[in-house]
Protein backbone atom coordinates (compact mmCIF):
# COMPACT_ATOMS: atom_id res chain seq x y z
CA MET A 1 -171.36 59.56 6.57
CA SER A 2 -173.67 62.34 5.45
CA ARG A 3 -177.00 63.11 7.08
CA PRO A 4 -180.26 63.47 5.12
CA VAL A 5 -180.84 66.76 3.36
CA ARG A 6 -182.47 69.27 5.71
CA GLY A 7 -186.18 69.60 5.11
CA ARG A 8 -186.51 66.11 3.59
CA ARG A 9 -188.34 63.45 5.55
CA PRO A 10 -185.88 60.84 6.84
CA THR A 11 -186.28 57.36 5.38
CA MET A 12 -185.26 53.84 6.30
CA THR A 13 -182.50 54.14 3.71
CA ASP A 14 -181.01 57.06 5.65
CA ILE A 15 -181.11 55.04 8.86
CA ALA A 16 -179.55 52.01 7.16
CA LYS A 17 -176.64 54.05 5.79
CA LEU A 18 -175.83 55.64 9.15
CA ALA A 19 -176.21 52.38 11.06
CA GLY A 20 -174.20 50.37 8.54
CA VAL A 21 -176.94 47.76 8.10
CA SER A 22 -179.37 46.78 5.35
CA GLN A 23 -182.75 48.37 4.75
CA SER A 24 -184.37 45.04 5.60
CA THR A 25 -182.71 45.05 9.03
CA VAL A 26 -184.00 48.57 9.69
CA SER A 27 -187.50 47.46 8.71
CA LEU A 28 -187.33 44.46 11.06
CA VAL A 29 -186.27 46.64 13.98
CA ILE A 30 -188.66 49.54 13.41
CA ASN A 31 -191.65 47.26 12.85
CA HIS A 32 -190.84 45.36 16.08
CA LEU A 33 -191.01 41.96 14.40
CA SER A 34 -190.62 39.21 16.96
CA GLY A 35 -188.23 36.38 16.18
CA ALA A 36 -186.02 38.56 13.94
CA LYS A 37 -182.37 37.62 14.31
CA VAL A 38 -181.08 41.10 15.04
CA SER A 39 -178.59 41.64 17.87
CA ARG A 40 -179.52 43.88 20.77
CA ALA A 41 -176.67 46.26 19.92
CA THR A 42 -177.82 46.58 16.31
CA ARG A 43 -181.42 47.10 17.39
CA GLU A 44 -180.40 49.85 19.82
CA THR A 45 -178.22 51.54 17.20
CA VAL A 46 -181.02 51.55 14.62
CA LEU A 47 -183.55 52.98 17.07
CA ARG A 48 -181.11 55.61 18.34
CA ILE A 49 -180.33 56.84 14.83
CA ALA A 50 -184.03 56.79 13.91
CA ARG A 51 -184.80 59.03 16.88
CA GLU A 52 -181.89 61.37 16.08
CA LEU A 53 -183.15 61.77 12.53
CA GLY A 54 -186.71 62.36 13.68
CA TYR A 55 -188.09 59.23 12.01
CA PRO A 56 -191.68 58.77 13.30
CA LEU A 57 -191.31 55.48 15.15
CA GLU A 58 -194.72 55.74 16.76
CA ARG A 59 -196.39 55.02 13.41
CA HIS A 60 -195.10 51.47 13.49
CA HIS A 61 -196.83 50.16 16.61
CA GLY A 62 -199.97 50.59 18.62
CA ARG A 63 -202.14 50.86 15.53
CA GLN A 64 -205.89 51.17 15.89
CA ASP A 65 -208.42 49.26 13.85
CA ASN A 66 -209.83 51.01 10.81
CA ARG A 67 -213.03 52.93 11.44
CA PRO A 68 -216.23 51.50 9.95
CA GLY A 69 -216.69 52.87 6.47
CA GLN A 70 -212.96 53.40 5.87
CA ALA A 71 -213.11 50.40 3.58
CA ARG A 72 -210.70 51.04 0.71
CA ASN A 73 -207.38 50.18 2.31
CA LEU A 74 -206.22 47.11 0.37
CA ILE A 75 -203.39 47.32 -2.16
CA VAL A 76 -202.86 44.40 -4.53
CA TYR A 77 -199.15 43.93 -5.26
CA LEU A 78 -198.88 41.97 -8.51
CA THR A 79 -195.38 40.85 -9.50
CA ASP A 80 -193.71 38.31 -11.73
CA GLU A 81 -191.19 37.12 -9.12
CA LEU A 82 -190.71 37.40 -5.36
CA THR A 83 -188.13 34.80 -4.35
CA THR A 84 -185.50 34.84 -7.09
CA SER A 85 -183.39 37.58 -5.46
CA PRO A 86 -183.32 39.80 -2.37
CA HIS A 87 -184.27 42.81 -4.52
CA ALA A 88 -187.90 41.74 -4.90
CA MET A 89 -188.42 41.29 -1.16
CA GLN A 90 -186.79 44.65 -0.35
CA THR A 91 -189.08 46.36 -2.83
CA MET A 92 -192.14 44.70 -1.35
CA ASP A 93 -190.98 45.68 2.17
CA GLY A 94 -190.92 49.31 1.06
CA ALA A 95 -194.42 49.03 -0.38
CA LYS A 96 -195.75 47.36 2.77
CA ASP A 97 -194.23 50.01 5.04
CA GLY A 98 -195.45 52.88 2.87
CA ALA A 99 -198.95 51.38 2.89
CA TRP A 100 -198.91 50.66 6.63
CA ASP A 101 -198.10 54.30 7.38
CA GLN A 102 -201.31 55.25 5.57
CA ASP A 103 -203.48 52.61 7.27
CA CYS A 104 -203.39 50.34 4.24
CA LEU A 105 -202.43 46.69 3.80
CA VAL A 106 -200.67 44.94 0.93
CA ALA A 107 -201.64 41.57 -0.52
CA ALA A 108 -198.85 40.19 -2.75
CA PHE A 109 -199.28 37.78 -5.65
CA ALA A 110 -196.41 36.33 -7.70
CA THR A 111 -197.46 35.14 -11.16
CA ARG A 112 -194.11 34.29 -12.84
CA GLY A 113 -195.29 36.51 -15.69
CA ASP A 114 -198.03 34.06 -16.66
CA PRO A 115 -200.95 36.02 -18.21
CA GLU A 116 -203.45 33.36 -17.08
CA GLN A 117 -202.31 33.68 -13.46
CA GLU A 118 -202.45 37.49 -13.71
CA GLN A 119 -206.01 37.28 -15.03
CA ALA A 120 -207.04 34.85 -12.29
CA VAL A 121 -205.69 37.11 -9.54
CA LEU A 122 -207.29 40.22 -11.01
CA ALA A 123 -210.63 38.45 -11.54
CA ARG A 124 -210.74 37.64 -7.83
CA MET A 125 -209.27 40.84 -6.41
CA LEU A 126 -210.56 43.75 -8.51
CA ASP A 127 -214.08 43.29 -7.12
CA HIS A 128 -212.85 43.21 -3.51
CA PRO A 129 -214.77 45.91 -1.58
CA ALA A 130 -211.59 47.06 0.20
CA LEU A 131 -209.51 47.43 -2.98
CA LEU A 132 -207.71 50.77 -3.21
CA GLY A 133 -205.51 50.03 -6.22
CA VAL A 134 -202.78 47.90 -7.76
CA ILE A 135 -198.98 48.02 -7.74
CA TYR A 136 -197.72 46.21 -10.85
CA ALA A 137 -194.08 45.14 -10.36
CA THR A 138 -191.36 43.25 -12.26
CA ILE A 139 -188.04 41.76 -11.18
CA PHE A 140 -186.17 43.13 -14.23
CA THR A 141 -186.64 46.76 -15.26
CA ARG A 142 -188.48 46.67 -18.58
CA ALA A 143 -191.37 47.97 -20.65
CA VAL A 144 -194.64 46.16 -19.98
CA ALA A 145 -198.14 45.94 -21.42
CA LEU A 146 -200.64 46.06 -18.56
CA PRO A 147 -203.53 43.59 -18.41
CA ALA A 148 -206.70 45.05 -19.92
CA ALA A 149 -208.52 44.41 -16.62
CA LEU A 150 -206.55 47.27 -15.01
CA ALA A 151 -208.16 49.89 -17.23
CA GLY A 152 -209.80 52.40 -14.93
CA VAL A 153 -208.17 50.93 -11.80
CA PRO A 154 -205.71 53.14 -9.85
CA THR A 155 -202.36 51.58 -10.77
CA VAL A 156 -198.67 52.36 -10.22
CA LEU A 157 -195.86 50.56 -12.04
CA LEU A 158 -192.88 49.45 -9.97
CA ASN A 159 -189.50 48.73 -11.61
CA CYS A 160 -191.21 48.78 -15.00
CA HIS A 161 -192.80 51.28 -17.37
CA GLU A 162 -195.26 51.55 -20.24
CA ARG A 163 -194.30 52.90 -23.63
CA GLU A 164 -197.59 54.84 -23.67
CA ARG A 165 -196.98 56.28 -20.16
CA ARG A 166 -200.59 55.98 -19.08
CA HIS A 167 -199.73 55.30 -15.42
CA PRO A 168 -197.15 56.62 -12.95
CA ALA A 169 -194.04 54.47 -12.67
CA VAL A 170 -190.87 54.28 -10.61
CA VAL A 171 -187.58 52.78 -11.85
CA PRO A 172 -183.96 53.02 -10.67
CA ALA A 173 -181.84 55.83 -12.12
CA GLU A 174 -179.48 53.22 -13.57
CA GLN A 175 -177.57 55.51 -15.92
CA GLN A 176 -176.90 57.90 -13.06
CA GLY A 177 -175.74 54.94 -10.95
CA GLY A 178 -173.26 53.80 -13.59
CA TYR A 179 -172.04 57.36 -13.97
CA THR A 180 -171.58 57.78 -10.21
CA ALA A 181 -169.61 54.54 -9.85
CA THR A 182 -167.28 55.38 -12.73
CA MET A 183 -166.74 58.98 -11.67
CA HIS A 184 -165.81 57.80 -8.17
CA LEU A 185 -162.97 55.81 -9.71
CA VAL A 186 -162.00 58.73 -11.96
CA ALA A 187 -161.90 61.01 -8.90
CA ASN A 188 -159.40 58.61 -7.37
CA GLY A 189 -157.08 59.04 -10.36
CA HIS A 190 -158.00 55.94 -12.33
CA ARG A 191 -158.06 56.20 -16.12
CA ARG A 192 -157.94 52.57 -17.19
CA ILE A 193 -161.23 51.38 -15.73
CA GLY A 194 -162.50 47.95 -16.69
CA PHE A 195 -166.25 47.37 -16.80
CA ILE A 196 -167.81 43.93 -16.21
CA ASN A 197 -171.44 44.35 -17.23
CA GLY A 198 -174.43 42.03 -17.12
CA GLU A 199 -176.28 40.56 -20.07
CA GLY A 200 -176.86 43.23 -22.71
CA TRP A 201 -180.52 42.39 -23.32
CA ILE A 202 -181.39 43.55 -19.80
CA GLU A 203 -182.38 47.23 -19.70
CA ALA A 204 -180.37 47.92 -16.54
CA ALA A 205 -177.17 46.67 -18.18
CA GLY A 206 -177.59 49.07 -21.10
CA ASP A 207 -178.24 52.01 -18.79
CA ARG A 208 -175.24 51.22 -16.57
CA MET A 209 -173.06 50.98 -19.68
CA ASN A 210 -174.31 54.40 -20.81
CA GLY A 211 -173.46 55.84 -17.42
CA TYR A 212 -169.95 54.35 -17.62
CA ARG A 213 -169.37 55.78 -21.08
CA HIS A 214 -170.73 59.23 -20.21
CA ALA A 215 -168.50 59.43 -17.14
CA LEU A 216 -165.43 58.56 -19.21
CA ALA A 217 -166.39 61.17 -21.80
CA ASP A 218 -166.91 63.86 -19.16
CA ALA A 219 -163.49 63.02 -17.72
CA GLY A 220 -161.81 63.22 -21.14
CA ILE A 221 -161.04 59.50 -21.17
CA GLY A 222 -161.53 57.63 -24.42
CA PHE A 223 -163.81 54.62 -24.42
CA ASP A 224 -161.84 51.39 -24.96
CA PRO A 225 -164.04 48.38 -25.82
CA ALA A 226 -161.15 46.10 -24.86
CA LEU A 227 -161.83 47.06 -21.23
CA VAL A 228 -165.47 45.90 -21.33
CA ARG A 229 -166.79 42.40 -20.69
CA GLU A 230 -170.35 41.02 -20.67
CA GLY A 231 -171.05 38.68 -17.77
CA ASP A 232 -174.19 36.99 -16.49
CA TRP A 233 -174.50 38.62 -13.03
CA GLN A 234 -172.99 35.57 -11.28
CA VAL A 235 -169.80 35.27 -9.20
CA ASP A 236 -168.01 32.95 -11.63
CA SER A 237 -168.48 35.28 -14.60
CA GLY A 238 -167.10 38.19 -12.57
CA TYR A 239 -164.13 36.02 -11.66
CA ALA A 240 -163.45 34.86 -15.23
CA HIS A 241 -163.84 38.30 -16.81
CA ALA A 242 -161.74 39.97 -14.13
CA LEU A 243 -158.94 37.45 -14.77
CA SER A 244 -159.05 38.18 -18.51
CA LEU A 245 -158.81 41.93 -17.85
CA LEU A 246 -156.05 41.59 -15.27
CA ASP A 247 -154.01 39.38 -17.61
CA THR A 248 -153.85 42.02 -20.36
CA ARG A 249 -150.54 43.77 -20.99
CA ASP A 250 -151.85 47.18 -19.94
CA ARG A 251 -154.19 45.99 -17.24
CA PRO A 252 -156.83 48.27 -15.69
CA THR A 253 -156.13 49.81 -12.31
CA ALA A 254 -159.81 49.69 -11.39
CA LEU A 255 -162.85 47.53 -12.12
CA PHE A 256 -166.50 48.57 -12.10
CA CYS A 257 -168.77 45.53 -11.85
CA ALA A 258 -172.47 45.85 -12.67
CA ASN A 259 -173.52 43.93 -9.57
CA ASP A 260 -172.03 42.86 -6.24
CA LEU A 261 -171.89 39.16 -7.10
CA MET A 262 -169.60 39.78 -10.08
CA ALA A 263 -167.57 42.17 -7.92
CA LEU A 264 -167.12 39.31 -5.44
CA GLY A 265 -165.70 37.23 -8.28
CA ALA A 266 -163.41 40.13 -9.23
CA LEU A 267 -162.05 40.26 -5.68
CA ASP A 268 -161.24 36.54 -5.92
CA ALA A 269 -159.49 37.10 -9.26
CA ALA A 270 -157.39 39.90 -7.76
CA ARG A 271 -156.30 37.61 -4.91
CA GLU A 272 -155.37 34.89 -7.38
CA ARG A 273 -153.18 37.36 -9.29
CA LYS A 274 -151.60 38.54 -5.99
CA LEU A 275 -153.08 42.04 -6.35
CA ALA A 276 -154.07 43.75 -3.11
CA VAL A 277 -157.42 45.56 -3.10
CA PRO A 278 -157.47 48.52 -3.03
CA ARG A 279 -153.70 49.17 -3.07
CA ASP A 280 -153.09 47.52 -6.46
CA LEU A 281 -156.65 47.38 -7.82
CA SER A 282 -159.80 49.30 -6.94
CA VAL A 283 -163.17 47.55 -7.27
CA VAL A 284 -166.72 48.97 -7.27
CA GLY A 285 -169.88 46.87 -7.27
CA TYR A 286 -173.56 47.63 -7.73
CA ASP A 287 -176.74 46.77 -5.70
CA ASP A 288 -175.45 47.08 -2.10
CA GLN A 289 -176.45 43.56 -1.15
CA ASP A 290 -175.74 42.47 2.43
CA LEU A 291 -172.63 40.60 1.27
CA ALA A 292 -170.97 43.89 0.26
CA ARG A 293 -170.35 44.72 3.91
CA TYR A 294 -168.59 41.41 4.58
CA THR A 295 -166.18 41.04 1.67
CA HIS A 296 -162.45 41.57 2.23
CA PRO A 297 -162.15 44.50 2.02
CA PRO A 298 -165.76 45.74 2.40
CA LEU A 299 -167.03 46.62 -1.05
CA THR A 300 -167.68 50.13 -2.32
CA THR A 301 -170.89 49.83 -4.31
CA VAL A 302 -173.94 51.63 -5.68
CA LEU A 303 -177.22 51.32 -3.82
CA LEU A 304 -180.09 49.90 -5.85
CA PRO A 305 -182.99 51.69 -4.10
CA ASN A 306 -185.42 48.77 -3.96
CA TYR A 307 -186.97 49.73 -0.63
CA GLU A 308 -187.42 53.38 -1.56
CA MET A 309 -189.01 52.47 -4.89
CA GLY A 310 -191.51 50.20 -3.17
CA ARG A 311 -192.38 52.88 -0.67
CA TRP A 312 -192.76 55.51 -3.42
CA ALA A 313 -195.08 53.20 -5.34
CA ALA A 314 -197.38 52.65 -2.36
CA GLU A 315 -197.47 56.30 -1.37
CA SER A 316 -198.12 57.44 -4.94
CA LEU A 317 -200.91 54.89 -5.39
CA ILE A 318 -202.61 56.03 -2.19
CA VAL A 319 -202.49 59.69 -3.28
CA GLN A 320 -203.82 58.73 -6.72
CA ALA A 321 -206.70 56.67 -5.32
CA ARG A 322 -207.71 58.99 -2.50
CA GLU A 323 -207.15 62.39 -4.08
CA GLY A 324 -207.42 61.69 -7.79
CA ASN A 325 -203.97 63.26 -8.26
CA VAL A 326 -202.43 61.30 -11.15
CA SER A 327 -199.05 61.97 -12.75
CA ASN A 328 -198.07 59.70 -15.60
CA ALA A 329 -194.38 60.54 -15.32
CA VAL A 330 -191.67 57.92 -14.84
CA PHE A 331 -189.88 58.73 -11.59
CA LYS A 332 -186.22 57.70 -11.50
CA SER A 333 -185.08 56.85 -7.98
CA GLU A 334 -181.51 57.90 -7.15
CA CYS A 335 -178.81 55.21 -6.96
CA PRO A 336 -176.25 56.70 -4.54
CA LEU A 337 -172.68 55.53 -3.98
CA VAL A 338 -171.95 53.61 -0.78
CA SER A 339 -168.26 54.20 -0.08
CA ARG A 340 -166.38 51.48 1.79
CA ASP A 341 -162.79 50.19 1.56
CA SER A 342 -162.32 48.68 -1.91
CA VAL A 343 -161.32 51.93 -3.67
CA ALA A 344 -158.09 53.91 -3.23
CA PRO A 345 -156.17 56.51 -5.23
CA ARG A 346 -154.30 55.06 -8.21
CA ARG A 347 -150.68 54.31 -7.46
CA VAL A 348 -148.36 56.38 -9.63
């Protein structure tokens, strides 16, 4: 597996890739959280790789109290959801770690998108003497209208963006992720590539579809709508749509699923049709959830960079608040391929 680019600061994502564990596991180990169910061997591997990469472990323990007068060190993390999926918690972990490295703390509030709850939180927190700024996050990537109370408050948008682009924002590079997944299958000789997408009204689904179509076009492969299905991100829809694709007369030799749960359903469908993965059918997922390492075979997937986005948001907010350096650009965080065992060259 490749090492980080020379000259770039190593991240927890780099450590996770090399150690073959999740970003959350790396965070648990590096932050020395007691009670975490991480084996001694895994802990030692994570710490060894962190040291080899030059990751500054000393920042994560032995902290000193803030000096008197260094008051503005509180970041309010305002989000619509925290517990509906692992993505939200990974993103918040990144924000907490990025803040901790700069002697800041994060206070998280989940509002379920209720404007009254948002207003209540902001009414209590914006006057806090330690407030440094606000991270405004959403579970689905989408355009948002910020509460009026945030006018003049240092703010960074996380997994969302404004149409007016008045504040810096970070979102996943979803189109690039869809392109990368599809081109990986093309590079393995596949030309009939089925695509099981999520619900079309979700911004990420549209971007992943665009990436799929652009990859086919760049490879000189015509787009065939008969190879595309719209699922609902759940295992059973991946299973049902994979069966319908595999039962066609000229079935695809590879499937790209827009998340790992639907890919899990596709693996079940392949087994039901007596197709060996990856010998008879290649499968690629998206998200790199923990389950992707434990499927049979382990799932090739695209990493959704939740942790890195959270960290970027915290670091950017701190720079904005402390230095007055504001960029209103939307930063797209790379979605790299995580290659495992579910893809093989197409059989002639």
